[in-house]
Amino acid sequence: MCIELVLLRAADRLHPWHPERDFEFTNCGDQAMNGFPEERNAAIAAARQRDHFERVHQKYAAHYYDKWSLLYRSEFILAPLFEGIDLEGRLVADLACGNGHNSLLLRSRFPTASTVGFDISPTACAAYEQVVGRPAYCVDLLDSEMRHSKFDAALVIGGLHHMVADISSALRTIHSMLRPGGILMMFEPNARFVLQWARDIWYQSDPMFDAQSEAALDHDTLLRATDGRFRCERLRYLGGPAFYLVLNSAVLRLPLRAKALLSRPLFVLERLHGRLRPRWCHSSFVARWIAQ
């Protein structure tokens, strides 16, 4: 093991992380609530999302972090994001980190990677620290900016589409967290999906969603919103039968026992579906961007 990694691990034990020193975030949440209309709207949307996640957290965790959902994440989401890169010994921000299972999957592939969680939900941050054994910070990415430590990479799995109230500000914050050449890896719902109209109705009618503060994303529009701060290195569209019945079993109210019985054949169908090329066939996309 190289001396740098030894020192990193020793520093982890002897020098705890402190957000005010190691990250130096600026946060304008209280000011935004009294500021311009667009700032107030973003702050209100962030508060809605925080309250929403606090309400659905327990049910969300039971379905999205079970064995089969984690297998789906590993094969269909994280494998294409990690392909061709090496995160060993790197510092990675897990954004909208939830309970931390994405960090665990990342570290199972890159054991010497060091992860830090960020989420708008205090409950999620507490769970992250318990599950992963790494620090997590309650941060609103819509009105924060990092001015000190820089990450080698950031991972956001289904988090950006909860930030549509001010997606440009969220992207600026994420860019401020990354060193030049740092990697941003994402998985998000695809707004160009042929059944997007049905998903819009679903968002409006299902209490598992908060339609006022989340929406599917068009990748190309999202990239343009960065104003040249990122370039796209990899883009892949995905999301077939297993996306709905395995990963999103909570939304479809599929019992966990039924999910266990159906997952293996659904994974076979998902692999076949992944061969389809047109983006309108797919409910989601994964993308890997490089900070400029």
C-alpha atoms as a PDB file:
ATOM      1  CA  MET A   1       0.000   0.000   0.000  1.00  0.00           C
ATOM      2  CA  CYS A   2       1.399   3.409  -0.936  1.00  0.00           C
ATOM      3  CA  ILE A   3       2.396   5.853   1.806  1.00  0.00           C
ATOM      4  CA  GLU A   4      -0.265   8.370   0.700  1.00  0.00           C
ATOM      5  CA  LEU A   5      -3.061   5.892   1.437  1.00  0.00           C
ATOM      6  CA  VAL A   6      -1.541   5.028   4.812  1.00  0.00           C
ATOM      7  CA  LEU A   7      -1.467   8.718   5.690  1.00  0.00           C
ATOM      8  CA  LEU A   8      -5.024   9.195   4.428  1.00  0.00           C
ATOM      9  CA  ARG A   9      -6.337   6.430   6.662  1.00  0.00           C
ATOM     10  CA  ALA A  10      -4.354   7.695   9.639  1.00  0.00           C
ATOM     11  CA  ALA A  11      -5.701  11.195   9.055  1.00  0.00           C
ATOM     12  CA  ASP A  12      -9.223   9.784   8.918  1.00  0.00           C
ATOM     13  CA  ARG A  13      -8.824   8.338  12.396  1.00  0.00           C
ATOM     14  CA  LEU A  14      -6.907  11.184  14.010  1.00  0.00           C
ATOM     15  CA  HIS A  15      -8.372  14.211  12.251  1.00  0.00           C
ATOM     16  CA  PRO A  16     -12.196  14.087  12.083  1.00  0.00           C
ATOM     17  CA  TRP A  17     -13.972  15.891   9.295  1.00  0.00           C
ATOM     18  CA  HIS A  18     -15.453  19.277  10.161  1.00  0.00           C
ATOM     19  CA  PRO A  19     -17.717  20.868   7.541  1.00  0.00           C
ATOM     20  CA  GLU A  20     -16.813  24.407   8.573  1.00  0.00           C
ATOM     21  CA  ARG A  21     -13.102  23.692   8.095  1.00  0.00           C
ATOM     22  CA  ASP A  22     -12.766  20.892   5.563  1.00  0.00           C
ATOM     23  CA  PHE A  23     -15.574  21.957   3.238  1.00  0.00           C
ATOM     24  CA  GLU A  24     -16.281  25.607   4.024  1.00  0.00           C
ATOM     25  CA  PHE A  25     -19.739  25.686   2.472  1.00  0.00           C
ATOM     26  CA  THR A  26     -21.526  28.981   2.148  1.00  0.00           C
ATOM     27  CA  ASN A  27     -25.255  28.574   2.719  1.00  0.00           C
ATOM     28  CA  CYS A  28     -27.873  31.203   1.928  1.00  0.00           C
ATOM     29  CA  GLY A  29     -31.007  29.320   2.956  1.00  0.00           C
ATOM     30  CA  ASP A  30     -32.291  31.855   5.493  1.00  0.00           C
ATOM     31  CA  GLN A  31     -31.486  34.751   3.170  1.00  0.00           C
ATOM     32  CA  ALA A  32     -33.121  33.025   0.221  1.00  0.00           C
ATOM     33  CA  MET A  33     -36.392  32.712   2.084  1.00  0.00           C
ATOM     34  CA  ASN A  34     -36.474  36.524   2.213  1.00  0.00           C
ATOM     35  CA  GLY A  35     -34.788  37.234  -1.141  1.00  0.00           C
ATOM     36  CA  PHE A  36     -35.851  37.425  -4.770  1.00  0.00           C
ATOM     37  CA  PRO A  37     -38.854  35.366  -5.951  1.00  0.00           C
ATOM     38  CA  GLU A  38     -36.715  32.723  -7.693  1.00  0.00           C
ATOM     39  CA  GLU A  39     -34.566  32.376  -4.548  1.00  0.00           C
ATOM     40  CA  ARG A  40     -37.657  31.986  -2.361  1.00  0.00           C
ATOM     41  CA  ASN A  41     -39.073  29.404  -4.764  1.00  0.00           C
ATOM     42  CA  ALA A  42     -35.871  27.350  -4.630  1.00  0.00           C
ATOM     43  CA  ALA A  43     -35.750  27.546  -0.828  1.00  0.00           C
ATOM     44  CA  ILE A  44     -39.401  26.512  -0.550  1.00  0.00           C
ATOM     45  CA  ALA A  45     -38.812  23.609  -2.961  1.00  0.00           C
ATOM     46  CA  ALA A  46     -35.818  22.464  -0.901  1.00  0.00           C
ATOM     47  CA  ALA A  47     -37.921  22.566   2.279  1.00  0.00           C
ATOM     48  CA  ARG A  48     -40.648  20.561   0.530  1.00  0.00           C
ATOM     49  CA  GLN A  49     -38.139  17.938  -0.560  1.00  0.00           C
ATOM     50  CA  ARG A  50     -36.648  17.679   2.914  1.00  0.00           C
ATOM     51  CA  ASP A  51     -40.071  17.226   4.519  1.00  0.00           C
ATOM     52  CA  HIS A  52     -41.111  14.769   1.802  1.00  0.00           C
ATOM     53  CA  PHE A  53     -38.054  12.548   2.308  1.00  0.00           C
ATOM     54  CA  GLU A  54     -38.501  12.577   6.045  1.00  0.00           C
ATOM     55  CA  ARG A  55     -42.042  11.240   5.527  1.00  0.00           C
ATOM     56  CA  VAL A  56     -41.240   8.476   3.032  1.00  0.00           C
ATOM     57  CA  HIS A  57     -37.754   7.531   4.254  1.00  0.00           C
ATOM     58  CA  GLN A  58     -38.658   4.287   6.026  1.00  0.00           C
ATOM     59  CA  LYS A  59     -40.701   2.862   3.143  1.00  0.00           C
ATOM     60  CA  TYR A  60     -38.144   4.104   0.616  1.00  0.00           C
ATOM     61  CA  ALA A  61     -35.291   2.388   2.439  1.00  0.00           C
ATOM     62  CA  ALA A  62     -37.122  -0.953   2.693  1.00  0.00           C
ATOM     63  CA  HIS A  63     -37.614  -1.179  -1.077  1.00  0.00           C
ATOM     64  CA  TYR A  64     -34.676   0.722  -2.579  1.00  0.00           C
ATOM     65  CA  TYR A  65     -31.941  -0.818  -0.421  1.00  0.00           C
ATOM     66  CA  ASP A  66     -33.023  -4.460  -0.379  1.00  0.00           C
ATOM     67  CA  LYS A  67     -30.912  -7.188  -1.997  1.00  0.00           C
ATOM     68  CA  TRP A  68     -32.536  -7.019  -5.423  1.00  0.00           C
ATOM     69  CA  SER A  69     -32.539  -3.249  -5.763  1.00  0.00           C
ATOM     70  CA  LEU A  70     -28.863  -3.188  -4.815  1.00  0.00           C
ATOM     71  CA  LEU A  71     -28.115  -5.832  -7.445  1.00  0.00           C
ATOM     72  CA  TYR A  72     -29.954  -3.682  -9.991  1.00  0.00           C
ATOM     73  CA  ARG A  73     -27.933  -0.624  -8.989  1.00  0.00           C
ATOM     74  CA  SER A  74     -24.681  -2.541  -9.171  1.00  0.00           C
ATOM     75  CA  GLU A  75     -25.199  -4.061 -12.621  1.00  0.00           C
ATOM     76  CA  PHE A  76     -27.289  -1.536 -14.524  1.00  0.00           C
ATOM     77  CA  ILE A  77     -26.396   1.820 -12.955  1.00  0.00           C
ATOM     78  CA  LEU A  78     -23.002   1.740 -11.291  1.00  0.00           C
ATOM     79  CA  ALA A  79     -21.200  -0.702 -13.600  1.00  0.00           C
ATOM     80  CA  PRO A  80     -21.502   1.564 -16.680  1.00  0.00           C
ATOM     81  CA  LEU A  81     -20.614   4.623 -14.581  1.00  0.00           C
ATOM     82  CA  PHE A  82     -17.469   2.997 -13.158  1.00  0.00           C
ATOM     83  CA  GLU A  83     -16.320   1.349 -16.379  1.00  0.00           C
ATOM     84  CA  GLY A  84     -12.912   2.607 -17.475  1.00  0.00           C
ATOM     85  CA  ILE A  85     -12.133   4.726 -14.387  1.00  0.00           C
ATOM     86  CA  ASP A  86     -10.125   4.086 -11.230  1.00  0.00           C
ATOM     87  CA  LEU A  87     -11.319   5.601  -7.960  1.00  0.00           C
ATOM     88  CA  GLU A  88      -8.829   3.816  -5.724  1.00  0.00           C
ATOM     89  CA  GLY A  89      -7.500   6.204  -3.114  1.00  0.00           C
ATOM     90  CA  ARG A  90      -9.816   8.976  -4.319  1.00  0.00           C
ATOM     91  CA  LEU A  91     -12.120  11.238  -2.322  1.00  0.00           C
ATOM     92  CA  VAL A  92     -15.709  10.857  -3.534  1.00  0.00           C
ATOM     93  CA  ALA A  93     -18.781  12.911  -2.608  1.00  0.00           C
ATOM     94  CA  ASP A  94     -22.000  10.870  -2.459  1.00  0.00           C
ATOM     95  CA  LEU A  95     -24.675  13.503  -3.192  1.00  0.00           C
ATOM     96  CA  ALA A  96     -28.281  12.878  -2.167  1.00  0.00           C
ATOM     97  CA  CYS A  97     -26.620   9.985  -0.390  1.00  0.00           C
ATOM     98  CA  GLY A  98     -29.643   8.475   1.336  1.00  0.00           C
ATOM     99  CA  ASN A  99     -28.715   5.568   3.605  1.00  0.00           C
ATOM    100  CA  GLY A 100     -25.283   5.200   1.998  1.00  0.00           C
ATOM    101  CA  HIS A 101     -25.639   1.968   0.043  1.00  0.00           C
ATOM    102  CA  ASN A 102     -24.311   3.577  -3.137  1.00  0.00           C
ATOM    103  CA  SER A 103     -21.149   4.428  -1.208  1.00  0.00           C
ATOM    104  CA  LEU A 104     -20.912   0.824  -0.003  1.00  0.00           C
ATOM    105  CA  LEU A 105     -21.238  -0.448  -3.578  1.00  0.00           C
ATOM    106  CA  LEU A 106     -18.609   2.035  -4.742  1.00  0.00           C
ATOM    107  CA  ARG A 107     -16.203   0.976  -2.004  1.00  0.00           C
ATOM    108  CA  SER A 108     -16.794  -2.697  -2.736  1.00  0.00           C
ATOM    109  CA  ARG A 109     -15.378  -1.990  -6.198  1.00  0.00           C
ATOM    110  CA  PHE A 110     -12.757   0.539  -5.063  1.00  0.00           C
ATOM    111  CA  PRO A 111     -11.824  -0.491  -1.482  1.00  0.00           C
ATOM    112  CA  THR A 112      -9.400   2.379  -0.855  1.00  0.00           C
ATOM    113  CA  ALA A 113     -11.802   5.100  -2.038  1.00  0.00           C
ATOM    114  CA  SER A 114     -12.911   7.494   0.704  1.00  0.00           C
ATOM    115  CA  THR A 115     -16.545   8.661   0.611  1.00  0.00           C
ATOM    116  CA  VAL A 116     -18.424  11.523   2.251  1.00  0.00           C
ATOM    117  CA  GLY A 117     -22.220  11.781   2.199  1.00  0.00           C
ATOM    118  CA  PHE A 118     -24.364  14.848   1.568  1.00  0.00           C
ATOM    119  CA  ASP A 119     -28.143  14.924   1.806  1.00  0.00           C
ATOM    120  CA  ILE A 120     -30.926  17.379   2.544  1.00  0.00           C
ATOM    121  CA  SER A 121     -32.487  14.903   4.997  1.00  0.00           C
ATOM    122  CA  PRO A 122     -31.100  14.725   8.561  1.00  0.00           C
ATOM    123  CA  THR A 123     -32.513  11.195   8.877  1.00  0.00           C
ATOM    124  CA  ALA A 124     -30.645  10.090   5.753  1.00  0.00           C
ATOM    125  CA  CYS A 125     -27.399  11.651   6.975  1.00  0.00           C
ATOM    126  CA  ALA A 126     -27.664   9.853  10.308  1.00  0.00           C
ATOM    127  CA  ALA A 127     -28.363   6.558   8.535  1.00  0.00           C
ATOM    128  CA  TYR A 128     -25.414   7.137   6.178  1.00  0.00           C
ATOM    129  CA  GLU A 129     -22.979   7.546   9.058  1.00  0.00           C
ATOM    130  CA  GLN A 130     -24.330   4.413  10.747  1.00  0.00           C
ATOM    131  CA  VAL A 131     -24.313   2.242   7.599  1.00  0.00           C
ATOM    132  CA  VAL A 132     -21.112   3.467   5.937  1.00  0.00           C
ATOM    133  CA  GLY A 133     -19.092   4.580   8.940  1.00  0.00           C
ATOM    134  CA  ARG A 134     -18.183   7.806   7.168  1.00  0.00           C
ATOM    135  CA  PRO A 135     -19.316  11.390   7.774  1.00  0.00           C
ATOM    136  CA  ALA A 136     -22.433  12.818   6.152  1.00  0.00           C
ATOM    137  CA  TYR A 137     -23.528  16.441   6.110  1.00  0.00           C
ATOM    138  CA  CYS A 138     -26.993  17.937   5.818  1.00  0.00           C
ATOM    139  CA  VAL A 139     -26.584  20.377   2.919  1.00  0.00           C
ATOM    140  CA  ASP A 140     -28.989  22.002   0.458  1.00  0.00           C
ATOM    141  CA  LEU A 141     -27.150  21.965  -2.863  1.00  0.00           C
ATOM    142  CA  LEU A 142     -29.450  24.668  -4.257  1.00  0.00           C
ATOM    143  CA  ASP A 143     -27.969  27.383  -2.069  1.00  0.00           C
ATOM    144  CA  SER A 144     -24.503  26.187  -1.080  1.00  0.00           C
ATOM    145  CA  GLU A 145     -21.026  26.480  -2.498  1.00  0.00           C
ATOM    146  CA  MET A 146     -17.787  24.812  -1.464  1.00  0.00           C
ATOM    147  CA  ARG A 147     -14.776  27.070  -1.187  1.00  0.00           C
ATOM    148  CA  HIS A 148     -12.066  24.849   0.285  1.00  0.00           C
ATOM    149  CA  SER A 149     -11.612  21.071  -0.062  1.00  0.00           C
ATOM    150  CA  LYS A 150     -12.065  19.563  -3.508  1.00  0.00           C
ATOM    151  CA  PHE A 151     -13.325  16.084  -4.352  1.00  0.00           C
ATOM    152  CA  ASP A 152     -11.897  13.816  -7.038  1.00  0.00           C
ATOM    153  CA  ALA A 153     -15.378  12.599  -7.964  1.00  0.00           C
ATOM    154  CA  ALA A 154     -19.056  12.992  -7.104  1.00  0.00           C
ATOM    155  CA  LEU A 155     -21.843  10.440  -7.400  1.00  0.00           C
ATOM    156  CA  VAL A 156     -25.524  11.373  -7.551  1.00  0.00           C
ATOM    157  CA  ILE A 157     -28.046   8.578  -8.032  1.00  0.00           C
ATOM    158  CA  GLY A 158     -31.531   9.918  -8.698  1.00  0.00           C
ATOM    159  CA  GLY A 159     -30.840  13.188  -6.912  1.00  0.00           C
ATOM    160  CA  LEU A 160     -30.657  15.937  -9.531  1.00  0.00           C
ATOM    161  CA  HIS A 161     -34.261  15.572 -10.641  1.00  0.00           C
ATOM    162  CA  HIS A 162     -35.262  16.618  -7.119  1.00  0.00           C
ATOM    163  CA  MET A 163     -33.465  19.943  -7.658  1.00  0.00           C
ATOM    164  CA  VAL A 164     -35.358  21.261 -10.685  1.00  0.00           C
ATOM    165  CA  ALA A 165     -36.457  24.392  -8.792  1.00  0.00           C
ATOM    166  CA  ASP A 166     -32.954  25.748  -9.474  1.00  0.00           C
ATOM    167  CA  ILE A 167     -30.942  23.090 -11.269  1.00  0.00           C
ATOM    168  CA  SER A 168     -28.328  25.600 -12.468  1.00  0.00           C
ATOM    169  CA  SER A 169     -27.457  26.523  -8.878  1.00  0.00           C
ATOM    170  CA  ALA A 170     -27.205  22.847  -7.926  1.00  0.00           C
ATOM    171  CA  LEU A 171     -24.827  22.217 -10.833  1.00  0.00           C
ATOM    172  CA  ARG A 172     -22.699  25.215  -9.839  1.00  0.00           C
ATOM    173  CA  THR A 173     -22.478  23.875  -6.299  1.00  0.00           C
ATOM    174  CA  ILE A 174     -21.434  20.437  -7.520  1.00  0.00           C
ATOM    175  CA  HIS A 175     -18.826  21.986  -9.818  1.00  0.00           C
ATOM    176  CA  SER A 176     -17.430  23.952  -6.861  1.00  0.00           C
ATOM    177  CA  MET A 177     -16.990  20.670  -4.972  1.00  0.00           C
ATOM    178  CA  LEU A 178     -14.843  19.057  -7.682  1.00  0.00           C
ATOM    179  CA  ARG A 179     -11.231  19.661  -8.536  1.00  0.00           C
ATOM    180  CA  PRO A 180     -10.482  20.485 -12.209  1.00  0.00           C
ATOM    181  CA  GLY A 181     -10.794  17.222 -14.112  1.00  0.00           C
ATOM    182  CA  GLY A 182     -12.975  15.729 -11.379  1.00  0.00           C
ATOM    183  CA  ILE A 183     -15.678  13.247 -12.350  1.00  0.00           C
ATOM    184  CA  LEU A 184     -19.428  13.681 -11.879  1.00  0.00           C
ATOM    185  CA  MET A 185     -21.427  10.440 -12.227  1.00  0.00           C
ATOM    186  CA  MET A 186     -25.214  10.551 -12.364  1.00  0.00           C
ATOM    187  CA  PHE A 187     -28.338   8.455 -12.858  1.00  0.00           C
ATOM    188  CA  GLU A 188     -31.574  10.314 -13.593  1.00  0.00           C
ATOM    189  CA  PRO A 189     -35.033   9.840 -15.190  1.00  0.00           C
ATOM    190  CA  ASN A 190     -35.098  10.576 -18.922  1.00  0.00           C
ATOM    191  CA  ALA A 191     -37.536  13.324 -19.970  1.00  0.00           C
ATOM    192  CA  ARG A 192     -37.411  12.099 -23.599  1.00  0.00           C
ATOM    193  CA  PHE A 193     -38.965   8.758 -22.636  1.00  0.00           C
ATOM    194  CA  VAL A 194     -41.945   7.898 -24.842  1.00  0.00           C
ATOM    195  CA  LEU A 195     -44.167   7.391 -21.780  1.00  0.00           C
ATOM    196  CA  GLN A 196     -43.118  10.605 -20.072  1.00  0.00           C
ATOM    197  CA  TRP A 197     -46.710  11.876 -20.264  1.00  0.00           C
ATOM    198  CA  ALA A 198     -47.785   8.921 -18.105  1.00  0.00           C
ATOM    199  CA  ARG A 199     -44.951   9.554 -15.672  1.00  0.00           C
ATOM    200  CA  ASP A 200     -46.060  13.174 -15.324  1.00  0.00           C
ATOM    201  CA  ILE A 201     -49.546  12.017 -14.343  1.00  0.00           C
ATOM    202  CA  TRP A 202     -47.985   9.481 -11.985  1.00  0.00           C
ATOM    203  CA  TYR A 203     -45.888  12.175 -10.290  1.00  0.00           C
ATOM    204  CA  GLN A 204     -49.003  14.294  -9.766  1.00  0.00           C
ATOM    205  CA  SER A 205     -51.144  11.536  -8.274  1.00  0.00           C
ATOM    206  CA  ASP A 206     -48.750   9.428  -6.184  1.00  0.00           C
ATOM    207  CA  PRO A 207     -47.779  10.571  -2.649  1.00  0.00           C
ATOM    208  CA  MET A 208     -44.411   8.836  -3.079  1.00  0.00           C
ATOM    209  CA  PHE A 209     -43.495  11.806  -5.315  1.00  0.00           C
ATOM    210  CA  ASP A 210     -43.555  15.564  -4.830  1.00  0.00           C
ATOM    211  CA  ALA A 211     -44.536  16.824  -8.278  1.00  0.00           C
ATOM    212  CA  GLN A 212     -43.941  20.465  -7.370  1.00  0.00           C
ATOM    213  CA  SER A 213     -40.223  19.962  -6.755  1.00  0.00           C
ATOM    214  CA  GLU A 214     -39.144  17.045  -8.988  1.00  0.00           C
ATOM    215  CA  ALA A 215     -39.274  16.226 -12.683  1.00  0.00           C
ATOM    216  CA  ALA A 216     -37.556  14.039 -15.278  1.00  0.00           C
ATOM    217  CA  LEU A 217     -34.507  15.550 -17.006  1.00  0.00           C
ATOM    218  CA  ASP A 218     -33.319  15.880 -20.582  1.00  0.00           C
ATOM    219  CA  HIS A 219     -29.597  15.134 -20.571  1.00  0.00           C
ATOM    220  CA  ASP A 220     -28.628  17.594 -23.300  1.00  0.00           C
ATOM    221  CA  THR A 221     -30.563  20.438 -21.679  1.00  0.00           C
ATOM    222  CA  LEU A 222     -29.008  19.562 -18.333  1.00  0.00           C
ATOM    223  CA  LEU A 223     -25.497  19.704 -19.780  1.00  0.00           C
ATOM    224  CA  ARG A 224     -26.163  23.098 -21.379  1.00  0.00           C
ATOM    225  CA  ALA A 225     -27.314  24.396 -17.990  1.00  0.00           C
ATOM    226  CA  THR A 226     -23.745  23.978 -16.719  1.00  0.00           C
ATOM    227  CA  ASP A 227     -22.553  26.833 -18.991  1.00  0.00           C
ATOM    228  CA  GLY A 228     -19.481  24.875 -20.054  1.00  0.00           C
ATOM    229  CA  ARG A 229     -18.432  23.842 -16.540  1.00  0.00           C
ATOM    230  CA  PHE A 230     -18.632  20.176 -17.544  1.00  0.00           C
ATOM    231  CA  ARG A 231     -18.153  18.073 -20.650  1.00  0.00           C
ATOM    232  CA  CYS A 232     -19.862  14.724 -21.154  1.00  0.00           C
ATOM    233  CA  GLU A 233     -17.531  11.736 -21.335  1.00  0.00           C
ATOM    234  CA  ARG A 234     -20.115   8.945 -21.327  1.00  0.00           C
ATOM    235  CA  LEU A 235     -23.876   8.749 -21.805  1.00  0.00           C
ATOM    236  CA  ARG A 236     -26.068   5.657 -21.807  1.00  0.00           C
ATOM    237  CA  TYR A 237     -29.842   5.261 -21.717  1.00  0.00           C
ATOM    238  CA  LEU A 238     -31.452   2.446 -19.725  1.00  0.00           C
ATOM    239  CA  GLY A 239     -34.548   1.479 -17.811  1.00  0.00           C
ATOM    240  CA  GLY A 240     -36.858  -1.364 -18.739  1.00  0.00           C
ATOM    241  CA  PRO A 241     -39.014  -3.896 -16.855  1.00  0.00           C
ATOM    242  CA  ALA A 242     -36.661  -4.348 -13.905  1.00  0.00           C
ATOM    243  CA  PHE A 243     -36.348  -0.591 -13.482  1.00  0.00           C
ATOM    244  CA  TYR A 244     -40.039  -0.440 -12.608  1.00  0.00           C
ATOM    245  CA  LEU A 245     -40.661  -3.755 -10.866  1.00  0.00           C
ATOM    246  CA  VAL A 246     -37.349  -4.137  -9.022  1.00  0.00           C
ATOM    247  CA  LEU A 247     -35.738  -0.748  -8.448  1.00  0.00           C
ATOM    248  CA  ASN A 248     -39.069   1.081  -8.107  1.00  0.00           C
ATOM    249  CA  SER A 249     -41.028  -1.653  -6.357  1.00  0.00           C
ATOM    250  CA  ALA A 250     -42.060   0.804  -3.634  1.00  0.00           C
ATOM    251  CA  VAL A 251     -43.771   3.064  -6.160  1.00  0.00           C
ATOM    252  CA  LEU A 252     -45.633   0.139  -7.729  1.00  0.00           C
ATOM    253  CA  ARG A 253     -46.453  -1.265  -4.263  1.00  0.00           C
ATOM    254  CA  LEU A 254     -44.958  -4.603  -5.239  1.00  0.00           C
ATOM    255  CA  PRO A 255     -44.566  -6.789  -2.134  1.00  0.00           C
ATOM    256  CA  LEU A 256     -40.959  -7.633  -1.321  1.00  0.00           C
ATOM    257  CA  ARG A 257     -41.694 -11.380  -1.528  1.00  0.00           C
ATOM    258  CA  ALA A 258     -43.058 -11.026  -5.049  1.00  0.00           C
ATOM    259  CA  LYS A 259     -40.089  -8.879  -5.960  1.00  0.00           C
ATOM    260  CA  ALA A 260     -37.700 -11.637  -4.840  1.00  0.00           C
ATOM    261  CA  LEU A 261     -39.491 -14.154  -7.066  1.00  0.00           C
ATOM    262  CA  LEU A 262     -39.610 -11.897 -10.130  1.00  0.00           C
ATOM    263  CA  SER A 263     -36.187 -10.267 -10.038  1.00  0.00           C
ATOM    264  CA  ARG A 264     -34.088 -12.911 -11.816  1.00  0.00           C
ATOM    265  CA  PRO A 265     -36.279 -13.169 -14.954  1.00  0.00           C
ATOM    266  CA  LEU A 266     -36.749  -9.388 -14.928  1.00  0.00           C
ATOM    267  CA  PHE A 267     -32.977  -8.905 -14.984  1.00  0.00           C
ATOM    268  CA  VAL A 268     -32.824 -11.051 -18.136  1.00  0.00           C
ATOM    269  CA  LEU A 269     -35.472  -8.842 -19.762  1.00  0.00           C
ATOM    270  CA  GLU A 270     -33.622  -5.737 -18.598  1.00  0.00           C
ATOM    271  CA  ARG A 271     -30.420  -6.876 -20.333  1.00  0.00           C
ATOM    272  CA  LEU A 272     -32.362  -7.431 -23.557  1.00  0.00           C
ATOM    273  CA  HIS A 273     -34.046  -4.049 -23.226  1.00  0.00           C
ATOM    274  CA  GLY A 274     -30.631  -2.430 -22.785  1.00  0.00           C
ATOM    275  CA  ARG A 275     -29.752  -3.342 -26.377  1.00  0.00           C
ATOM    276  CA  LEU A 276     -32.341  -0.911 -27.704  1.00  0.00           C
ATOM    277  CA  ARG A 277     -30.670   2.223 -29.065  1.00  0.00           C
ATOM    278  CA  PRO A 278     -33.301   5.009 -29.285  1.00  0.00           C
ATOM    279  CA  ARG A 279     -33.361   7.122 -26.135  1.00  0.00           C
ATOM    280  CA  TRP A 280     -37.158   7.345 -26.204  1.00  0.00           C
ATOM    281  CA  CYS A 281     -37.243   3.614 -25.367  1.00  0.00           C
ATOM    282  CA  HIS A 282     -35.597   4.164 -22.003  1.00  0.00           C
ATOM    283  CA  SER A 283     -36.940   5.633 -18.792  1.00  0.00           C
ATOM    284  CA  SER A 284     -33.553   6.796 -17.460  1.00  0.00           C
ATOM    285  CA  PHE A 285     -29.966   7.641 -18.308  1.00  0.00           C
ATOM    286  CA  VAL A 286     -26.517   7.390 -16.739  1.00  0.00           C
ATOM    287  CA  ALA A 287     -23.899   9.994 -17.564  1.00  0.00           C
ATOM    288  CA  ARG A 288     -20.306  10.679 -16.633  1.00  0.00           C
ATOM    289  CA  TRP A 289     -19.124  14.281 -16.860  1.00  0.00           C
ATOM    290  CA  ILE A 290     -15.704  15.861 -16.427  1.00  0.00           C
ATOM    291  CA  ALA A 291     -15.295  19.176 -14.595  1.00  0.00           C
ATOM    292  CA  GLN A 292     -13.616  21.826 -16.713  1.00  0.00           C
END
